[in-house]
Amino acid sequence: MGRLIVQHGWEPGMQLPLEGELAAQFGVGRNALREAVKVLVGKGLIQTARRFGSRVAEEQYWNFLDPDVIRWRLHNRSSHAVFRREVAQLRELIEPGAAAMAANQATDAERVTIVELARRLDDVPSVPVIEADIAFHLAILEATHNSLVIGLRQSLDVILRTLFQADLELNEADLTYDPNPTIHLALALAIEGGRAEEARYIAMAMIAGGSEGAGRMVRAHVRFPDPDEWANR
């Protein structure tokens, strides 16, 4: 049901079929169906009310940062490219400013941690390197000591994990996940040295390739992984 909604098999505003019809369609009991509807209501995909029953919610109500919603929307080259471009745009809004704030606000221990995480990256893409890369970016958010910025931590974790893991699975060399240890270390050292504007511009440079990668992805003939295969790794 979630895939049907997010991939527009069921359009926003559509009245859902009757409970019995849905249960038969998906081969489940009515209790299981009701639980599924509750989950999708929680993700903002379905709206229910006594006066009109259950309908597919308008897109502005969907929780696009929900891990399941992210996975459901990634089903072909175009959807991956759109996701990559939107991630780059979101990161451009958040991370350069966070890097500058971290350079000014981080404790000595946080500066050491950020540099250590950057040094864990190498030129061999792998799941452990992805984990270190994500930890690096989240450590910068935490080092801002701004509660609202830190509140973005979980969302950034989800989108970076999804993006990096999808990239790791792609076959084409110019589209695979690249840990880029040099620029990460340069950013870490700028934060360690308290050089806020330098940290801001390095973070901007780090993110700039995201939109470019989206264009390459549209043009490339690549095998796209099923996000459900790696979502729980």
C-alpha atoms as a PDB file:
ATOM      1  CA  MET A   1       0.000   0.000   0.000  1.00  0.00           C
ATOM      2  CA  GLY A   2       2.827   2.371   0.843  1.00  0.00           C
ATOM      3  CA  ARG A   3       4.537   1.726  -2.466  1.00  0.00           C
ATOM      4  CA  LEU A   4       1.285   2.223  -4.372  1.00  0.00           C
ATOM      5  CA  ILE A   5       0.793   5.604  -2.735  1.00  0.00           C
ATOM      6  CA  VAL A   6       4.352   6.941  -2.943  1.00  0.00           C
ATOM      7  CA  GLN A   7       4.840   5.718  -6.515  1.00  0.00           C
ATOM      8  CA  HIS A   8       1.448   7.200  -7.513  1.00  0.00           C
ATOM      9  CA  GLY A   9      -0.284   3.936  -8.256  1.00  0.00           C
ATOM     10  CA  TRP A  10      -2.904   5.485  -5.980  1.00  0.00           C
ATOM     11  CA  GLU A  11      -3.159   9.216  -6.519  1.00  0.00           C
ATOM     12  CA  PRO A  12      -3.516  11.813  -3.726  1.00  0.00           C
ATOM     13  CA  GLY A  13      -7.158  12.364  -2.800  1.00  0.00           C
ATOM     14  CA  MET A  14      -8.230   8.919  -3.994  1.00  0.00           C
ATOM     15  CA  GLN A  15     -10.793   7.104  -1.887  1.00  0.00           C
ATOM     16  CA  LEU A  16      -9.362   3.793  -0.704  1.00  0.00           C
ATOM     17  CA  PRO A  17     -11.263   0.646  -1.716  1.00  0.00           C
ATOM     18  CA  LEU A  18     -13.507  -0.972   0.884  1.00  0.00           C
ATOM     19  CA  GLU A  19     -11.796  -2.889   3.673  1.00  0.00           C
ATOM     20  CA  GLY A  20     -12.909  -6.266   2.347  1.00  0.00           C
ATOM     21  CA  GLU A  21     -11.610  -5.480  -1.134  1.00  0.00           C
ATOM     22  CA  LEU A  22      -8.227  -4.378   0.207  1.00  0.00           C
ATOM     23  CA  ALA A  23      -7.902  -7.434   2.437  1.00  0.00           C
ATOM     24  CA  ALA A  24      -8.581  -9.676  -0.552  1.00  0.00           C
ATOM     25  CA  GLN A  25      -6.212  -7.710  -2.801  1.00  0.00           C
ATOM     26  CA  PHE A  26      -3.269  -8.032  -0.434  1.00  0.00           C
ATOM     27  CA  GLY A  27      -4.155 -11.468   0.940  1.00  0.00           C
ATOM     28  CA  VAL A  28      -4.318 -10.406   4.584  1.00  0.00           C
ATOM     29  CA  GLY A  29      -6.896 -10.413   7.342  1.00  0.00           C
ATOM     30  CA  ARG A  30      -8.859  -7.338   8.271  1.00  0.00           C
ATOM     31  CA  ASN A  31      -6.977  -6.843  11.542  1.00  0.00           C
ATOM     32  CA  ALA A  32      -3.643  -6.820   9.713  1.00  0.00           C
ATOM     33  CA  LEU A  33      -5.072  -4.409   7.169  1.00  0.00           C
ATOM     34  CA  ARG A  34      -6.278  -2.038   9.884  1.00  0.00           C
ATOM     35  CA  GLU A  35      -2.819  -2.051  11.474  1.00  0.00           C
ATOM     36  CA  ALA A  36      -1.257  -1.276   8.090  1.00  0.00           C
ATOM     37  CA  VAL A  37      -3.607   1.658   7.620  1.00  0.00           C
ATOM     38  CA  LYS A  38      -2.663   2.973  11.077  1.00  0.00           C
ATOM     39  CA  VAL A  39       1.013   2.816  10.157  1.00  0.00           C
ATOM     40  CA  LEU A  40       0.418   4.676   6.903  1.00  0.00           C
ATOM     41  CA  VAL A  41      -1.668   7.294   8.711  1.00  0.00           C
ATOM     42  CA  GLY A  42       1.342   7.806  10.994  1.00  0.00           C
ATOM     43  CA  LYS A  43       3.550   8.374   7.959  1.00  0.00           C
ATOM     44  CA  GLY A  44       1.114  10.973   6.633  1.00  0.00           C
ATOM     45  CA  LEU A  45       0.190   8.887   3.576  1.00  0.00           C
ATOM     46  CA  ILE A  46      -3.441   8.170   4.476  1.00  0.00           C
ATOM     47  CA  GLN A  47      -6.071  10.351   6.095  1.00  0.00           C
ATOM     48  CA  THR A  48      -9.139   8.893   7.769  1.00  0.00           C
ATOM     49  CA  ALA A  49     -12.315  10.543   8.978  1.00  0.00           C
ATOM     50  CA  ARG A  50     -15.830   9.379   9.736  1.00  0.00           C
ATOM     51  CA  ARG A  51     -17.365  11.594   7.097  1.00  0.00           C
ATOM     52  CA  PHE A  52     -15.354  10.295   4.136  1.00  0.00           C
ATOM     53  CA  GLY A  53     -13.553   7.114   5.212  1.00  0.00           C
ATOM     54  CA  SER A  54      -9.919   6.636   4.204  1.00  0.00           C
ATOM     55  CA  ARG A  55      -8.228   8.568   1.423  1.00  0.00           C
ATOM     56  CA  VAL A  56      -4.723   8.954   0.089  1.00  0.00           C
ATOM     57  CA  ALA A  57      -3.378  12.132   1.673  1.00  0.00           C
ATOM     58  CA  GLU A  58      -2.169  15.072  -0.388  1.00  0.00           C
ATOM     59  CA  GLU A  59       1.593  15.062  -0.834  1.00  0.00           C
ATOM     60  CA  GLN A  60       2.235  18.036   1.423  1.00  0.00           C
ATOM     61  CA  TYR A  61       1.225  15.838   4.364  1.00  0.00           C
ATOM     62  CA  TRP A  62       3.576  12.947   3.532  1.00  0.00           C
ATOM     63  CA  ASN A  63       6.560  12.412   5.819  1.00  0.00           C
ATOM     64  CA  PHE A  64       9.278  12.353   3.157  1.00  0.00           C
ATOM     65  CA  LEU A  65      11.977  11.846   5.815  1.00  0.00           C
ATOM     66  CA  ASP A  66      10.428   8.593   7.007  1.00  0.00           C
ATOM     67  CA  PRO A  67      12.824   5.688   6.194  1.00  0.00           C
ATOM     68  CA  ASP A  68      10.049   3.614   4.596  1.00  0.00           C
ATOM     69  CA  VAL A  69       8.794   6.504   2.491  1.00  0.00           C
ATOM     70  CA  ILE A  70      12.330   7.148   1.280  1.00  0.00           C
ATOM     71  CA  ARG A  71      12.764   3.499   0.273  1.00  0.00           C
ATOM     72  CA  TRP A  72       9.364   3.331  -1.430  1.00  0.00           C
ATOM     73  CA  ARG A  73      10.120   6.331  -3.619  1.00  0.00           C
ATOM     74  CA  LEU A  74      13.453   4.911  -4.890  1.00  0.00           C
ATOM     75  CA  HIS A  75      12.406   2.548  -7.643  1.00  0.00           C
ATOM     76  CA  ASN A  76      14.078   3.672 -10.873  1.00  0.00           C
ATOM     77  CA  ARG A  77      16.833   5.885 -12.292  1.00  0.00           C
ATOM     78  CA  SER A  78      14.644   8.999 -12.272  1.00  0.00           C
ATOM     79  CA  SER A  79      13.534   8.616  -8.647  1.00  0.00           C
ATOM     80  CA  HIS A  80      17.121   8.037  -7.492  1.00  0.00           C
ATOM     81  CA  ALA A  81      18.264  11.123  -9.393  1.00  0.00           C
ATOM     82  CA  VAL A  82      15.518  13.302  -7.896  1.00  0.00           C
ATOM     83  CA  PHE A  83      16.365  12.028  -4.406  1.00  0.00           C
ATOM     84  CA  ARG A  84      20.091  12.725  -4.921  1.00  0.00           C
ATOM     85  CA  ARG A  85      19.368  16.259  -6.124  1.00  0.00           C
ATOM     86  CA  GLU A  86      17.001  16.993  -3.231  1.00  0.00           C
ATOM     87  CA  VAL A  87      19.483  15.605  -0.693  1.00  0.00           C
ATOM     88  CA  ALA A  88      22.200  17.865  -2.102  1.00  0.00           C
ATOM     89  CA  GLN A  89      19.897  20.881  -1.891  1.00  0.00           C
ATOM     90  CA  LEU A  90      18.915  20.082   1.708  1.00  0.00           C
ATOM     91  CA  ARG A  91      22.512  19.555   2.727  1.00  0.00           C
ATOM     92  CA  GLU A  92      23.503  22.861   1.126  1.00  0.00           C
ATOM     93  CA  LEU A  93      21.008  24.581   3.416  1.00  0.00           C
ATOM     94  CA  ILE A  94      22.124  22.807   6.592  1.00  0.00           C
ATOM     95  CA  GLU A  95      25.681  21.555   6.599  1.00  0.00           C
ATOM     96  CA  PRO A  96      27.834  24.572   5.630  1.00  0.00           C
ATOM     97  CA  GLY A  97      26.241  26.625   8.391  1.00  0.00           C
ATOM     98  CA  ALA A  98      26.550  23.748  10.830  1.00  0.00           C
ATOM     99  CA  ALA A  99      30.235  23.360   9.979  1.00  0.00           C
ATOM    100  CA  ALA A 100      30.846  27.046  10.662  1.00  0.00           C
ATOM    101  CA  MET A 101      28.946  26.846  13.949  1.00  0.00           C
ATOM    102  CA  ALA A 102      30.893  23.739  14.967  1.00  0.00           C
ATOM    103  CA  ALA A 103      34.178  25.543  14.293  1.00  0.00           C
ATOM    104  CA  ASN A 104      33.075  28.224  16.760  1.00  0.00           C
ATOM    105  CA  GLN A 105      31.202  26.112  19.332  1.00  0.00           C
ATOM    106  CA  ALA A 106      32.783  22.640  19.477  1.00  0.00           C
ATOM    107  CA  THR A 107      34.489  21.513  22.640  1.00  0.00           C
ATOM    108  CA  ASP A 108      38.076  20.317  22.519  1.00  0.00           C
ATOM    109  CA  ALA A 109      36.885  16.710  22.813  1.00  0.00           C
ATOM    110  CA  GLU A 110      34.416  17.171  19.937  1.00  0.00           C
ATOM    111  CA  ARG A 111      37.135  18.641  17.718  1.00  0.00           C
ATOM    112  CA  VAL A 112      39.323  15.611  18.392  1.00  0.00           C
ATOM    113  CA  THR A 113      36.433  13.242  17.623  1.00  0.00           C
ATOM    114  CA  ILE A 114      35.645  14.966  14.308  1.00  0.00           C
ATOM    115  CA  VAL A 115      39.275  14.712  13.192  1.00  0.00           C
ATOM    116  CA  GLU A 116      39.471  11.064  14.274  1.00  0.00           C
ATOM    117  CA  LEU A 117      36.328  10.218  12.292  1.00  0.00           C
ATOM    118  CA  ALA A 118      37.728  11.943   9.201  1.00  0.00           C
ATOM    119  CA  ARG A 119      40.929   9.909   9.516  1.00  0.00           C
ATOM    120  CA  ARG A 120      38.904   6.669   9.523  1.00  0.00           C
ATOM    121  CA  LEU A 121      37.849   7.279   5.941  1.00  0.00           C
ATOM    122  CA  ASP A 122      39.909   5.757   3.170  1.00  0.00           C
ATOM    123  CA  ASP A 123      39.728   5.280  -0.579  1.00  0.00           C
ATOM    124  CA  VAL A 124      38.017   1.873  -0.367  1.00  0.00           C
ATOM    125  CA  PRO A 125      34.210   2.269  -0.258  1.00  0.00           C
ATOM    126  CA  SER A 126      32.687  -0.146   2.235  1.00  0.00           C
ATOM    127  CA  VAL A 127      29.932  -0.378   4.821  1.00  0.00           C
ATOM    128  CA  PRO A 128      32.331   0.479   7.733  1.00  0.00           C
ATOM    129  CA  VAL A 129      33.542   3.542   5.844  1.00  0.00           C
ATOM    130  CA  ILE A 130      29.925   4.597   5.298  1.00  0.00           C
ATOM    131  CA  GLU A 131      29.298   4.308   9.040  1.00  0.00           C
ATOM    132  CA  ALA A 132      32.333   6.491   9.780  1.00  0.00           C
ATOM    133  CA  ASP A 133      31.230   9.019   7.144  1.00  0.00           C
ATOM    134  CA  ILE A 134      27.729   9.291   8.626  1.00  0.00           C
ATOM    135  CA  ALA A 135      29.150   9.575  12.150  1.00  0.00           C
ATOM    136  CA  PHE A 136      31.422  12.385  10.936  1.00  0.00           C
ATOM    137  CA  HIS A 137      28.523  14.464   9.610  1.00  0.00           C
ATOM    138  CA  LEU A 138      26.362  13.825  12.667  1.00  0.00           C
ATOM    139  CA  ALA A 139      29.240  14.758  14.988  1.00  0.00           C
ATOM    140  CA  ILE A 140      29.410  18.147  13.256  1.00  0.00           C
ATOM    141  CA  LEU A 141      25.702  18.749  13.895  1.00  0.00           C
ATOM    142  CA  GLU A 142      26.133  17.866  17.564  1.00  0.00           C
ATOM    143  CA  ALA A 143      29.152  20.157  17.869  1.00  0.00           C
ATOM    144  CA  THR A 144      26.991  23.168  16.991  1.00  0.00           C
ATOM    145  CA  HIS A 145      25.382  22.957  20.456  1.00  0.00           C
ATOM    146  CA  ASN A 146      22.200  24.297  18.877  1.00  0.00           C
ATOM    147  CA  SER A 147      19.237  22.174  19.924  1.00  0.00           C
ATOM    148  CA  LEU A 148      17.275  22.848  16.725  1.00  0.00           C
ATOM    149  CA  VAL A 149      20.202  21.936  14.476  1.00  0.00           C
ATOM    150  CA  ILE A 150      20.872  18.829  16.549  1.00  0.00           C
ATOM    151  CA  GLY A 151      17.181  17.982  16.131  1.00  0.00           C
ATOM    152  CA  LEU A 152      17.914  17.350  12.434  1.00  0.00           C
ATOM    153  CA  ARG A 153      20.296  14.547  13.376  1.00  0.00           C
ATOM    154  CA  GLN A 154      17.915  11.637  12.884  1.00  0.00           C
ATOM    155  CA  SER A 155      16.657  12.914   9.539  1.00  0.00           C
ATOM    156  CA  LEU A 156      20.192  13.497   8.257  1.00  0.00           C
ATOM    157  CA  ASP A 157      21.167  10.013   9.433  1.00  0.00           C
ATOM    158  CA  VAL A 158      18.327   8.486   7.401  1.00  0.00           C
ATOM    159  CA  ILE A 159      18.990  10.382   4.186  1.00  0.00           C
ATOM    160  CA  LEU A 160      22.780   9.962   4.264  1.00  0.00           C
ATOM    161  CA  ARG A 161      22.514   6.257   5.053  1.00  0.00           C
ATOM    162  CA  THR A 162      20.030   5.801   2.202  1.00  0.00           C
ATOM    163  CA  LEU A 163      22.094   7.826  -0.268  1.00  0.00           C
ATOM    164  CA  PHE A 164      25.483   6.304   0.577  1.00  0.00           C
ATOM    165  CA  GLN A 165      24.222   2.728   0.663  1.00  0.00           C
ATOM    166  CA  ALA A 166      22.414   3.135  -2.656  1.00  0.00           C
ATOM    167  CA  ASP A 167      25.589   4.578  -4.177  1.00  0.00           C
ATOM    168  CA  LEU A 168      27.633   1.675  -2.826  1.00  0.00           C
ATOM    169  CA  GLU A 169      25.321  -0.742  -4.636  1.00  0.00           C
ATOM    170  CA  LEU A 170      25.550   0.956  -8.041  1.00  0.00           C
ATOM    171  CA  ASN A 171      27.668  -0.659 -10.747  1.00  0.00           C
ATOM    172  CA  GLU A 172      29.009   2.344 -12.641  1.00  0.00           C
ATOM    173  CA  ALA A 173      32.353   3.531 -11.268  1.00  0.00           C
ATOM    174  CA  ASP A 174      31.535   7.236 -11.607  1.00  0.00           C
ATOM    175  CA  LEU A 175      28.339   6.843  -9.582  1.00  0.00           C
ATOM    176  CA  THR A 176      29.537   4.671  -6.717  1.00  0.00           C
ATOM    177  CA  TYR A 177      29.924   5.995  -3.196  1.00  0.00           C
ATOM    178  CA  ASP A 178      33.175   7.936  -2.823  1.00  0.00           C
ATOM    179  CA  PRO A 179      34.320   8.593   0.771  1.00  0.00           C
ATOM    180  CA  ASN A 180      36.642  11.426  -0.433  1.00  0.00           C
ATOM    181  CA  PRO A 181      38.873  11.335   2.671  1.00  0.00           C
ATOM    182  CA  THR A 182      40.930  14.377   1.627  1.00  0.00           C
ATOM    183  CA  ILE A 183      38.077  16.875   1.721  1.00  0.00           C
ATOM    184  CA  HIS A 184      36.646  15.339   4.908  1.00  0.00           C
ATOM    185  CA  LEU A 185      39.992  15.763   6.644  1.00  0.00           C
ATOM    186  CA  ALA A 186      40.301  19.332   5.379  1.00  0.00           C
ATOM    187  CA  LEU A 187      36.887  20.117   6.854  1.00  0.00           C
ATOM    188  CA  ALA A 188      37.776  18.418  10.139  1.00  0.00           C
ATOM    189  CA  LEU A 189      41.012  20.388  10.452  1.00  0.00           C
ATOM    190  CA  ALA A 190      39.212  23.672   9.731  1.00  0.00           C
ATOM    191  CA  ILE A 191      36.734  22.890  12.509  1.00  0.00           C
ATOM    192  CA  GLU A 192      39.545  21.807  14.827  1.00  0.00           C
ATOM    193  CA  GLY A 193      41.336  25.094  14.180  1.00  0.00           C
ATOM    194  CA  GLY A 194      38.214  27.191  14.736  1.00  0.00           C
ATOM    195  CA  ARG A 195      38.247  28.528  11.166  1.00  0.00           C
ATOM    196  CA  ALA A 196      34.526  28.997  10.668  1.00  0.00           C
ATOM    197  CA  GLU A 197      34.418  30.510   7.171  1.00  0.00           C
ATOM    198  CA  GLU A 198      36.936  27.996   5.852  1.00  0.00           C
ATOM    199  CA  ALA A 199      34.809  25.188   7.294  1.00  0.00           C
ATOM    200  CA  ARG A 200      31.707  26.678   5.649  1.00  0.00           C
ATOM    201  CA  TYR A 201      33.263  26.780   2.179  1.00  0.00           C
ATOM    202  CA  ILE A 202      34.805  23.322   2.427  1.00  0.00           C
ATOM    203  CA  ALA A 203      31.414  21.899   3.411  1.00  0.00           C
ATOM    204  CA  MET A 204      29.822  23.640   0.432  1.00  0.00           C
ATOM    205  CA  ALA A 205      32.464  22.159  -1.893  1.00  0.00           C
ATOM    206  CA  MET A 206      31.933  18.700  -0.409  1.00  0.00           C
ATOM    207  CA  ILE A 207      28.205  18.784  -1.164  1.00  0.00           C
ATOM    208  CA  ALA A 208      28.442  20.425  -4.598  1.00  0.00           C
ATOM    209  CA  GLY A 209      28.902  17.146  -6.447  1.00  0.00           C
ATOM    210  CA  GLY A 210      25.509  15.834  -5.381  1.00  0.00           C
ATOM    211  CA  SER A 211      23.432  17.625  -8.008  1.00  0.00           C
ATOM    212  CA  GLU A 212      26.044  16.889 -10.659  1.00  0.00           C
ATOM    213  CA  GLY A 213      25.823  13.218  -9.737  1.00  0.00           C
ATOM    214  CA  ALA A 214      22.066  13.365 -10.242  1.00  0.00           C
ATOM    215  CA  GLY A 215      22.571  14.454 -13.838  1.00  0.00           C
ATOM    216  CA  ARG A 216      25.071  11.659 -14.485  1.00  0.00           C
ATOM    217  CA  MET A 217      22.656   9.181 -12.962  1.00  0.00           C
ATOM    218  CA  VAL A 218      19.872  10.121 -15.381  1.00  0.00           C
ATOM    219  CA  ARG A 219      22.211   9.627 -18.339  1.00  0.00           C
ATOM    220  CA  ALA A 220      23.839   6.416 -17.118  1.00  0.00           C
ATOM    221  CA  HIS A 221      22.599   2.897 -17.728  1.00  0.00           C
ATOM    222  CA  VAL A 222      22.939   1.424 -14.265  1.00  0.00           C
ATOM    223  CA  ARG A 223      21.340  -1.345 -12.270  1.00  0.00           C
ATOM    224  CA  PHE A 224      19.404   0.181  -9.408  1.00  0.00           C
ATOM    225  CA  PRO A 225      19.222  -1.853  -6.221  1.00  0.00           C
ATOM    226  CA  ASP A 226      15.987  -2.533  -4.425  1.00  0.00           C
ATOM    227  CA  PRO A 227      16.241  -0.392  -1.257  1.00  0.00           C
ATOM    228  CA  ASP A 228      14.483  -3.147   0.702  1.00  0.00           C
ATOM    229  CA  GLU A 229      17.545  -5.348   0.105  1.00  0.00           C
ATOM    230  CA  TRP A 230      19.823  -3.100   2.160  1.00  0.00           C
ATOM    231  CA  ALA A 231      17.479  -1.110   4.360  1.00  0.00           C
ATOM    232  CA  ASN A 232      18.127  -3.248   7.426  1.00  0.00           C
ATOM    233  CA  ARG A 233      21.866  -3.820   6.988  1.00  0.00           C
END
